[in-house]
Each structure stands twice: as structure tokens, then as C-alpha cells.
């Protein structure tokens, strides 16, 4: 179960960014095999992003090569984009109440 972490800086007011997020949240919720996304925003630093959990690597690859990721990557109000993939350390994540089943993996 891969995790995708996307971070970027905003070239827009945080209030404008919040409005855009509201307008696209359902489209992201409808992404096939996206289990969840946590939206993050640091208004003081004008930084934002998200933490995504996908069903499998193929699902993450499909999202990353799809139209929503392309729009994020080319949006004029976003810059200094960083996208990183991670594997979940399930055992210790379960201990600290992370929303990941601890039944498989380390």
C-alpha cells in the first residue's frame, strides 16, 4: 500500500487555494483505487500539498501519470513541486494509531 506525498509552494492567496481545493475535492475522491487523501496547508509559509494512500503501486502510477497530476504539475499558482513515494511501516504505524492495517508487512 504505497503512500504519495506531494508538497508545493503557493503563488496565490491561501483563501484562493482553499476554494480551488473545494472545487476539485470530489474529482480526487473519485480517483480509482485512491483509499484516502489528507490535504495539508501551511498558510503562514504559503505551502500546501497532500498525503495520498493508494490500493497498490499500479493505482499510484495511474494517478501520477493521469490528468489530475498533470494539472497539479502545470498549475501557475503552484511551484517548487515535490512528489515522493513511500512504503508504509505498518507495524509501528498501527502502534501510533495510523489508519493502516498492521496485518501484513513490517
C-alpha atoms as a PDB file:
ATOM      1  CA  UNK A   1       0.000   0.000   0.000  1.00  0.00           C
ATOM      2  CA  UNK A   2       2.016   2.942  -1.247  1.00  0.00           C
ATOM      3  CA  UNK A   3       1.892   6.475   0.070  1.00  0.00           C
ATOM      4  CA  UNK A   4       2.406   9.518  -2.160  1.00  0.00           C
ATOM      5  CA  UNK A   5       3.499  12.802  -0.592  1.00  0.00           C
ATOM      6  CA  UNK A   6       3.122  15.937  -2.718  1.00  0.00           C
ATOM      7  CA  UNK A   7       4.292  19.330  -1.472  1.00  0.00           C
ATOM      8  CA  UNK A   8       4.457  22.694  -3.228  1.00  0.00           C
ATOM      9  CA  UNK A   9       4.575  26.415  -2.624  1.00  0.00           C
ATOM     10  CA  UNK A  10       1.655  28.684  -3.458  1.00  0.00           C
ATOM     11  CA  UNK A  11       1.798  31.621  -5.822  1.00  0.00           C
ATOM     12  CA  UNK A  12      -1.716  32.583  -4.712  1.00  0.00           C
ATOM     13  CA  UNK A  13      -3.537  33.557  -1.556  1.00  0.00           C
ATOM     14  CA  UNK A  14      -4.307  30.617   0.740  1.00  0.00           C
ATOM     15  CA  UNK A  15      -8.004  31.545   0.600  1.00  0.00           C
ATOM     16  CA  UNK A  16      -7.932  31.175  -3.200  1.00  0.00           C
ATOM     17  CA  UNK A  17      -6.150  27.836  -2.826  1.00  0.00           C
ATOM     18  CA  UNK A  18      -8.813  26.629  -0.381  1.00  0.00           C
ATOM     19  CA  UNK A  19     -11.524  27.487  -2.921  1.00  0.00           C
ATOM     20  CA  UNK A  20      -9.741  25.510  -5.641  1.00  0.00           C
ATOM     21  CA  UNK A  21      -9.392  22.544  -3.273  1.00  0.00           C
ATOM     22  CA  UNK A  22     -13.118  22.630  -2.572  1.00  0.00           C
ATOM     23  CA  UNK A  23     -13.868  22.630  -6.295  1.00  0.00           C
ATOM     24  CA  UNK A  24     -11.654  19.607  -7.088  1.00  0.00           C
ATOM     25  CA  UNK A  25     -12.059  17.506  -3.953  1.00  0.00           C
ATOM     26  CA  UNK A  26     -14.820  15.303  -5.374  1.00  0.00           C
ATOM     27  CA  UNK A  27     -12.830  14.605  -8.562  1.00  0.00           C
ATOM     28  CA  UNK A  28      -9.916  13.457  -6.422  1.00  0.00           C
ATOM     29  CA  UNK A  29     -12.233  11.402  -4.207  1.00  0.00           C
ATOM     30  CA  UNK A  30     -13.396   9.618  -7.368  1.00  0.00           C
ATOM     31  CA  UNK A  31      -9.866   8.566  -8.430  1.00  0.00           C
ATOM     32  CA  UNK A  32      -9.906   4.776  -8.841  1.00  0.00           C
ATOM     33  CA  UNK A  33      -8.177   2.916  -6.002  1.00  0.00           C
ATOM     34  CA  UNK A  34      -7.346   6.068  -4.021  1.00  0.00           C
ATOM     35  CA  UNK A  35      -8.114   4.956  -0.470  1.00  0.00           C
ATOM     36  CA  UNK A  36      -7.702   8.385   1.118  1.00  0.00           C
ATOM     37  CA  UNK A  37      -6.025  11.763   0.884  1.00  0.00           C
ATOM     38  CA  UNK A  38      -5.066  14.171   3.661  1.00  0.00           C
ATOM     39  CA  UNK A  39      -4.881  17.785   2.469  1.00  0.00           C
ATOM     40  CA  UNK A  40      -2.210  19.933   4.162  1.00  0.00           C
ATOM     41  CA  UNK A  41      -1.754  23.713   4.219  1.00  0.00           C
ATOM     42  CA  UNK A  42       0.698  25.985   5.995  1.00  0.00           C
ATOM     43  CA  UNK A  43      -0.846  29.408   5.390  1.00  0.00           C
ATOM     44  CA  UNK A  44       1.983  31.360   7.025  1.00  0.00           C
ATOM     45  CA  UNK A  45       4.588  29.826   4.702  1.00  0.00           C
ATOM     46  CA  UNK A  46       2.216  29.554   1.700  1.00  0.00           C
ATOM     47  CA  UNK A  47       2.976  25.845   1.380  1.00  0.00           C
ATOM     48  CA  UNK A  48       0.487  23.071   0.694  1.00  0.00           C
ATOM     49  CA  UNK A  49       0.167  19.526  -0.524  1.00  0.00           C
ATOM     50  CA  UNK A  50      -1.276  16.178   0.311  1.00  0.00           C
ATOM     51  CA  UNK A  51      -0.630  12.697   1.582  1.00  0.00           C
ATOM     52  CA  UNK A  52      -2.298  10.002  -0.527  1.00  0.00           C
ATOM     53  CA  UNK A  53      -2.789   6.291   0.113  1.00  0.00           C
ATOM     54  CA  UNK A  54      -3.438   4.026  -2.851  1.00  0.00           C
ATOM     55  CA  UNK A  55      -4.512   0.407  -3.103  1.00  0.00           C
ATOM     56  CA  UNK A  56      -1.297  -0.579  -4.914  1.00  0.00           C
ATOM     57  CA  UNK A  57       1.632   0.702  -6.979  1.00  0.00           C
ATOM     58  CA  UNK A  58      -0.320   0.424 -10.227  1.00  0.00           C
ATOM     59  CA  UNK A  59      -3.022   2.718  -8.828  1.00  0.00           C
ATOM     60  CA  UNK A  60      -0.443   5.271  -7.744  1.00  0.00           C
ATOM     61  CA  UNK A  61       1.258   5.085 -11.167  1.00  0.00           C
ATOM     62  CA  UNK A  62      -2.072   5.625 -12.916  1.00  0.00           C
ATOM     63  CA  UNK A  63      -2.819   8.685 -10.771  1.00  0.00           C
ATOM     64  CA  UNK A  64       0.668  10.095 -11.172  1.00  0.00           C
ATOM     65  CA  UNK A  65       0.519   9.789 -14.969  1.00  0.00           C
ATOM     66  CA  UNK A  66      -3.104  10.951 -15.205  1.00  0.00           C
ATOM     67  CA  UNK A  67      -4.846  14.277 -15.807  1.00  0.00           C
ATOM     68  CA  UNK A  68      -5.167  15.453 -12.190  1.00  0.00           C
ATOM     69  CA  UNK A  69      -1.437  15.095 -11.504  1.00  0.00           C
ATOM     70  CA  UNK A  70      -0.692  16.828 -14.822  1.00  0.00           C
ATOM     71  CA  UNK A  71      -2.886  19.765 -13.782  1.00  0.00           C
ATOM     72  CA  UNK A  72      -1.140  19.994 -10.420  1.00  0.00           C
ATOM     73  CA  UNK A  73       2.254  19.919 -12.096  1.00  0.00           C
ATOM     74  CA  UNK A  74       1.388  22.667 -14.600  1.00  0.00           C
ATOM     75  CA  UNK A  75      -0.810  24.942 -12.488  1.00  0.00           C
ATOM     76  CA  UNK A  76       0.553  28.528 -12.495  1.00  0.00           C
ATOM     77  CA  UNK A  77      -0.334  29.095  -8.821  1.00  0.00           C
ATOM     78  CA  UNK A  78       1.854  26.171  -7.697  1.00  0.00           C
ATOM     79  CA  UNK A  79       5.651  25.999  -7.798  1.00  0.00           C
ATOM     80  CA  UNK A  80       8.594  24.186  -6.254  1.00  0.00           C
ATOM     81  CA  UNK A  81       6.678  20.921  -6.513  1.00  0.00           C
ATOM     82  CA  UNK A  82       7.984  17.801  -4.770  1.00  0.00           C
ATOM     83  CA  UNK A  83       6.446  14.342  -5.167  1.00  0.00           C
ATOM     84  CA  UNK A  84       7.756  11.356  -3.198  1.00  0.00           C
ATOM     85  CA  UNK A  85       6.676   7.736  -2.845  1.00  0.00           C
ATOM     86  CA  UNK A  86       6.921   5.843   0.415  1.00  0.00           C
ATOM     87  CA  UNK A  87       6.169   2.380   1.730  1.00  0.00           C
ATOM     88  CA  UNK A  88       4.244   2.207   4.990  1.00  0.00           C
ATOM     89  CA  UNK A  89       5.918   0.742   8.081  1.00  0.00           C
ATOM     90  CA  UNK A  90       2.699  -0.998   9.088  1.00  0.00           C
ATOM     91  CA  UNK A  91       3.599  -2.427  12.490  1.00  0.00           C
ATOM     92  CA  UNK A  92       4.777   0.794  14.103  1.00  0.00           C
ATOM     93  CA  UNK A  93       2.131   2.816  12.264  1.00  0.00           C
ATOM     94  CA  UNK A  94      -0.564   0.661  13.876  1.00  0.00           C
ATOM     95  CA  UNK A  95       1.003   1.243  17.307  1.00  0.00           C
ATOM     96  CA  UNK A  96       0.781   5.007  16.792  1.00  0.00           C
ATOM     97  CA  UNK A  97      -2.849   4.754  15.559  1.00  0.00           C
ATOM     98  CA  UNK A  98      -2.147   5.358  11.856  1.00  0.00           C
ATOM     99  CA  UNK A  99      -5.023   4.384   9.549  1.00  0.00           C
ATOM    100  CA  UNK A 100      -3.125   1.382   8.133  1.00  0.00           C
ATOM    101  CA  UNK A 101      -3.908  -2.274   8.970  1.00  0.00           C
ATOM    102  CA  UNK A 102      -0.950  -3.938  10.687  1.00  0.00           C
ATOM    103  CA  UNK A 103      -1.759  -7.428   9.402  1.00  0.00           C
ATOM    104  CA  UNK A 104       0.888  -7.553   6.655  1.00  0.00           C
ATOM    105  CA  UNK A 105       4.440  -6.279   6.413  1.00  0.00           C
ATOM    106  CA  UNK A 106       6.951  -4.670   8.723  1.00  0.00           C
END
